[in-house]
Amino acid sequence: MITDLKYAFRMLAKSPAFTAVAVITLALGIGANTAIFTVVNGLLLRPLPYAEPDRLVTLKHRQSVLELADVQAQSTSFAAIGGLGTQAADYSGGGEPVQLEVGLVAGDFFGVFGARFSSGRGLVPDDDRLGVPRVLVLTHALWQRQFGGDREIIGRNVTIAGQSYTVIGVTAPEFQSPIPTTEAFAPIHVFYPNAAVSRGAHLLRAYARLRPGVSIEQAQSELRVIDQRLAEANPEENKGRDSVVLSLHERMVGDIRPALLVLLG
């Protein structure tokens, strides 16, 4: 064994160009495999960064604010339910306007994910009503990037889409929005009132936390009954309504799982 190794080293020393190519090839191969495993581990193997992630579900199809409210009122399967859509909007804070991706929040969105805040608080259902003051929650990343980590940000007024909003909270650095591009959060009734009262405005991705002991299959069965009620009550907008309850983890990685597993080999 030792003799073989000595012979191999002598041969490599005699061919430095070949040796360099071999070393670089091995380094690239090991680096690529490490990078692929890191991605697969982060997306497929590691649990979602929320409390009790196995209880988090989403609906396959987008919902309107009114539909989400109906599901919340009629279901018993969910401990909390909320919705999130996104809308590009300009922040005007002096100088050139900066375009932000604003999350439009309905229901108990932050409660679903058990979100924590480094400052202030999150949006609650009472913030999402017509005629209430305009309030805004910043992501930790936006707070640092756009506002310099200003510790006096709570209570400050900022202009989004030409309207003044009062900052009431900054998310904790570890909080991840299920829509990763989201930079700030506003109540949908306040930000987009016309859409909030339209049953046909399917802007929201619905997220929910199952009650302890409730399975996805049980929630799905209950949603079928609710869908039938909504179709009968609102035949024009909800005819053929077919809600599909999915594990949030499966929804977030399902489309890319085959490709990642192929890369991993």
Protein backbone atom coordinates (compact mmCIF):
# COMPACT_ATOMS: atom_id res chain seq x y z
CA MET A 1 0.00 0.00 0.00
CA ILE A 2 2.74 2.45 1.01
CA THR A 3 4.80 1.44 -2.03
CA ASP A 4 1.82 2.08 -4.31
CA LEU A 5 1.27 5.53 -2.82
CA LYS A 6 4.94 6.45 -3.25
CA TYR A 7 4.78 5.35 -6.87
CA ALA A 8 1.61 7.40 -7.46
CA PHE A 9 3.17 10.52 -5.96
CA ARG A 10 6.28 10.10 -8.14
CA MET A 11 4.14 9.78 -11.26
CA LEU A 12 2.09 12.85 -10.34
CA ALA A 13 5.26 14.83 -9.67
CA LYS A 14 6.55 13.96 -13.14
CA SER A 15 3.33 15.32 -14.77
CA PRO A 16 2.47 18.62 -13.02
CA ALA A 17 -0.02 19.67 -15.70
CA PHE A 18 -1.98 16.43 -15.38
CA THR A 19 -1.79 16.67 -11.60
CA ALA A 20 -3.18 20.21 -11.65
CA VAL A 21 -6.09 19.19 -13.90
CA ALA A 22 -6.87 16.19 -11.70
CA VAL A 23 -6.82 18.24 -8.50
CA ILE A 24 -9.01 20.98 -10.00
CA THR A 25 -11.48 18.40 -11.34
CA LEU A 26 -11.74 16.72 -7.95
CA ALA A 27 -12.16 20.06 -6.19
CA LEU A 28 -14.92 21.14 -8.57
CA GLY A 29 -16.69 17.80 -8.22
CA ILE A 30 -16.54 17.84 -4.43
CA GLY A 31 -17.61 21.49 -4.33
CA ALA A 32 -20.56 20.90 -6.65
CA ASN A 33 -21.75 17.89 -4.65
CA THR A 34 -21.43 19.84 -1.42
CA ALA A 35 -23.44 22.73 -2.87
CA ILE A 36 -26.16 20.39 -4.16
CA PHE A 37 -26.41 18.60 -0.80
CA THR A 38 -26.65 21.96 0.98
CA VAL A 39 -29.61 22.96 -1.21
CA VAL A 40 -31.33 19.58 -0.85
CA ASN A 41 -30.83 19.59 2.92
CA GLY A 42 -32.18 23.12 3.23
CA LEU A 43 -35.25 22.54 1.07
CA LEU A 44 -36.17 18.87 1.41
CA LEU A 45 -34.73 17.49 4.63
CA ARG A 46 -34.72 20.36 7.10
CA PRO A 47 -38.13 21.22 8.65
CA LEU A 48 -39.71 24.58 7.88
CA PRO A 49 -38.53 27.39 10.20
CA TYR A 50 -41.81 27.69 12.09
CA ALA A 51 -43.21 26.30 15.31
CA GLU A 52 -44.74 22.82 14.85
CA PRO A 53 -44.32 22.92 11.05
CA ASP A 54 -46.15 19.62 10.56
CA ARG A 55 -49.40 21.39 11.46
CA LEU A 56 -49.01 24.03 8.74
CA VAL A 57 -51.09 23.66 5.60
CA THR A 58 -52.06 25.72 2.60
CA LEU A 59 -54.84 25.64 0.02
CA LYS A 60 -53.80 24.80 -3.52
CA HIS A 61 -55.82 27.56 -5.17
CA ARG A 62 -55.80 31.26 -4.38
CA GLN A 63 -58.68 32.67 -2.35
CA SER A 64 -60.51 35.97 -2.15
CA VAL A 65 -60.76 37.80 1.17
CA LEU A 66 -64.46 36.93 1.44
CA GLU A 67 -63.86 33.24 0.70
CA LEU A 68 -61.10 33.09 3.28
CA ALA A 69 -63.40 34.69 5.85
CA ASP A 70 -66.11 32.12 5.07
CA VAL A 71 -63.68 29.23 5.53
CA GLN A 72 -62.49 30.70 8.81
CA ALA A 73 -66.05 31.15 10.09
CA GLN A 74 -67.29 27.71 9.08
CA SER A 75 -64.32 25.44 9.73
CA THR A 76 -63.33 23.72 12.96
CA SER A 77 -60.16 22.08 11.65
CA PHE A 78 -57.92 25.13 11.92
CA ALA A 79 -56.48 26.80 15.00
CA ALA A 80 -55.64 29.85 12.88
CA ILE A 81 -56.06 30.82 9.25
CA GLY A 82 -54.75 33.75 7.24
CA GLY A 83 -53.95 34.87 3.75
CA LEU A 84 -51.10 36.60 1.96
CA GLY A 85 -50.86 38.18 -1.47
CA THR A 86 -48.24 40.55 -2.80
CA GLN A 87 -48.28 43.88 -4.58
CA ALA A 88 -45.42 46.01 -5.86
CA ALA A 89 -45.60 49.55 -4.45
CA ASP A 90 -43.30 52.55 -4.20
CA TYR A 91 -41.84 53.70 -0.90
CA SER A 92 -41.29 57.46 -0.92
CA GLY A 93 -38.86 58.36 1.82
CA GLY A 94 -36.91 61.19 0.30
CA GLY A 95 -34.92 60.95 -2.88
CA GLU A 96 -35.91 58.51 -5.59
CA PRO A 97 -38.88 56.22 -4.83
CA VAL A 98 -37.94 52.62 -4.02
CA GLN A 99 -40.16 49.79 -5.20
CA LEU A 100 -41.08 47.30 -2.49
CA GLU A 101 -42.94 44.00 -2.53
CA VAL A 102 -45.76 44.55 -0.02
CA GLY A 103 -47.51 41.54 1.48
CA LEU A 104 -51.29 41.99 1.62
CA VAL A 105 -52.42 40.29 4.82
CA ALA A 106 -55.83 38.91 5.72
CA GLY A 107 -56.99 37.09 8.82
CA ASP A 108 -54.53 35.82 11.42
CA PHE A 109 -51.56 35.42 9.08
CA PHE A 110 -48.85 36.03 11.68
CA GLY A 111 -50.66 33.82 14.19
CA VAL A 112 -50.60 30.91 11.75
CA PHE A 113 -46.80 31.00 11.66
CA GLY A 114 -46.25 31.90 15.30
CA ALA A 115 -44.23 34.90 14.12
CA ARG A 116 -42.03 36.83 16.52
CA PHE A 117 -40.98 40.45 16.29
CA SER A 118 -37.77 42.23 17.12
CA SER A 119 -39.76 45.43 17.70
CA GLY A 120 -43.44 46.20 18.08
CA ARG A 121 -46.10 43.72 17.03
CA GLY A 122 -47.61 42.02 14.02
CA LEU A 123 -50.86 42.62 12.21
CA VAL A 124 -53.97 41.22 13.86
CA PRO A 125 -57.47 40.75 12.40
CA ASP A 126 -58.68 44.04 13.92
CA ASP A 127 -56.11 45.87 11.77
CA ASP A 128 -57.72 44.42 8.65
CA ARG A 129 -60.98 46.35 8.53
CA LEU A 130 -62.23 49.20 6.40
CA GLY A 131 -61.85 52.61 8.00
CA VAL A 132 -59.14 51.76 10.54
CA PRO A 133 -55.72 53.50 10.62
CA ARG A 134 -53.16 52.38 8.06
CA VAL A 135 -50.45 50.28 9.70
CA LEU A 136 -47.40 48.48 8.38
CA VAL A 137 -44.98 45.76 9.50
CA LEU A 138 -41.44 45.72 8.11
CA THR A 139 -39.31 42.67 7.55
CA HIS A 140 -36.06 42.70 9.50
CA ALA A 141 -34.09 42.84 6.24
CA LEU A 142 -35.99 45.89 4.96
CA TRP A 143 -35.69 47.63 8.33
CA GLN A 144 -31.93 47.28 8.20
CA ARG A 145 -31.49 48.06 4.51
CA GLN A 146 -33.91 50.93 4.03
CA PHE A 147 -34.14 52.40 7.53
CA GLY A 148 -30.65 51.71 8.82
CA GLY A 149 -31.91 49.60 11.73
CA ASP A 150 -33.49 52.71 13.30
CA ARG A 151 -34.58 51.68 16.81
CA GLU A 152 -37.10 54.52 16.85
CA ILE A 153 -38.94 53.18 13.81
CA ILE A 154 -42.06 52.09 15.73
CA GLY A 155 -44.70 54.79 15.42
CA ARG A 156 -42.96 56.45 12.50
CA ASN A 157 -45.04 57.29 9.43
CA VAL A 158 -43.83 56.10 6.03
CA THR A 159 -45.35 56.67 2.60
CA ILE A 160 -46.24 53.59 0.57
CA ALA A 161 -48.10 53.91 -2.75
CA GLY A 162 -48.81 57.54 -1.96
CA GLN A 163 -50.47 56.77 1.39
CA SER A 164 -49.12 57.29 4.91
CA TYR A 165 -48.71 54.16 7.06
CA THR A 166 -47.64 53.91 10.68
CA VAL A 167 -44.96 51.30 11.34
CA ILE A 168 -46.14 49.04 14.17
CA GLY A 169 -43.63 46.21 13.99
CA VAL A 170 -40.43 44.69 12.65
CA THR A 171 -40.23 40.94 12.20
CA ALA A 172 -37.56 38.95 14.00
CA PRO A 173 -34.54 38.21 11.79
CA GLU A 174 -35.34 34.50 11.70
CA PHE A 175 -38.91 34.97 10.43
CA GLN A 176 -39.31 33.87 6.81
CA SER A 177 -42.37 34.82 4.80
CA PRO A 178 -43.83 31.89 2.85
CA ILE A 179 -43.60 34.27 -0.13
CA PRO A 180 -39.86 35.01 0.11
CA THR A 181 -39.95 38.27 -1.86
CA THR A 182 -42.17 39.99 0.71
CA GLU A 183 -40.51 43.06 2.25
CA ALA A 184 -43.35 44.62 4.28
CA PHE A 185 -46.86 43.66 5.36
CA ALA A 186 -50.09 45.69 5.24
CA PRO A 187 -53.74 44.77 5.87
CA ILE A 188 -55.45 44.06 2.56
CA HIS A 189 -58.66 45.93 3.52
CA VAL A 190 -56.59 49.06 4.06
CA PHE A 191 -54.13 48.67 1.19
CA TYR A 192 -56.50 47.33 -1.48
CA PRO A 193 -60.09 47.94 -0.29
CA ASN A 194 -61.83 47.28 -3.61
CA ALA A 195 -60.31 43.83 -3.94
CA ALA A 196 -61.00 43.05 -0.30
CA VAL A 197 -64.76 43.20 -0.86
CA SER A 198 -64.81 41.31 -4.18
CA ARG A 199 -65.54 37.59 -3.95
CA GLY A 200 -63.99 37.06 -7.36
CA ALA A 201 -60.65 38.72 -6.52
CA HIS A 202 -58.53 35.64 -5.88
CA LEU A 203 -55.40 37.40 -4.65
CA LEU A 204 -54.50 35.45 -1.54
CA ARG A 205 -52.58 32.32 -0.82
CA ALA A 206 -54.29 30.76 2.18
CA TYR A 207 -52.27 29.40 5.10
CA ALA A 208 -53.60 27.63 8.16
CA ARG A 209 -52.48 25.82 11.29
CA LEU A 210 -54.30 22.58 12.00
CA ARG A 211 -55.76 22.08 15.45
CA PRO A 212 -53.89 19.46 17.50
CA GLY A 213 -54.99 15.98 16.47
CA VAL A 214 -56.59 17.08 13.18
CA SER A 215 -55.18 15.47 10.03
CA ILE A 216 -54.95 16.93 6.55
CA GLU A 217 -57.52 14.36 5.42
CA GLN A 218 -60.00 15.51 8.07
CA ALA A 219 -59.50 19.14 7.09
CA GLN A 220 -59.98 18.21 3.44
CA SER A 221 -63.28 16.47 4.21
CA GLU A 222 -64.54 19.52 6.07
CA LEU A 223 -63.47 21.83 3.23
CA ARG A 224 -65.52 19.80 0.74
CA VAL A 225 -68.65 20.51 2.77
CA ILE A 226 -67.80 24.21 3.04
CA ASP A 227 -67.10 24.38 -0.70
CA GLN A 228 -70.55 22.97 -1.42
CA ARG A 229 -72.18 25.55 0.85
CA LEU A 230 -70.29 28.40 -0.82
CA ALA A 231 -71.18 27.14 -4.28
CA GLU A 232 -74.86 27.06 -3.33
CA ALA A 233 -74.76 30.51 -1.71
CA ASN A 234 -72.66 32.15 -4.44
CA PRO A 235 -73.21 30.19 -7.66
CA GLU A 236 -71.75 32.86 -9.92
CA GLU A 237 -68.39 33.13 -8.16
CA ASN A 238 -68.05 29.76 -6.39
CA LYS A 239 -69.60 27.22 -8.74
CA GLY A 240 -67.29 24.22 -9.01
CA ARG A 241 -65.20 25.38 -6.07
CA ASP A 242 -62.75 22.62 -5.12
CA SER A 243 -60.39 23.42 -2.26
CA VAL A 244 -57.34 21.18 -1.91
CA VAL A 245 -55.52 21.10 1.43
CA LEU A 246 -51.77 20.56 1.16
CA SER A 247 -48.93 20.29 3.63
CA LEU A 248 -47.10 23.62 3.49
CA HIS A 249 -43.75 21.85 3.22
CA GLU A 250 -45.00 19.75 0.32
CA ARG A 251 -46.43 22.82 -1.39
CA MET A 252 -43.18 24.74 -1.07
CA VAL A 253 -40.88 21.97 -2.31
CA GLY A 254 -43.16 19.66 -4.29
CA ASP A 255 -42.51 21.18 -7.72
CA ILE A 256 -38.73 21.12 -7.36
CA ARG A 257 -38.32 17.86 -5.41
CA PRO A 258 -37.75 15.60 -8.49
CA ALA A 259 -35.12 17.92 -9.96
CA LEU A 260 -33.25 18.21 -6.66
CA LEU A 261 -33.24 14.45 -6.14
CA VAL A 262 -31.91 13.92 -9.68
CA LEU A 263 -29.09 16.38 -9.01
CA LEU A 264 -28.27 14.62 -5.75
CA GLY A 265 -28.13 11.33 -7.65
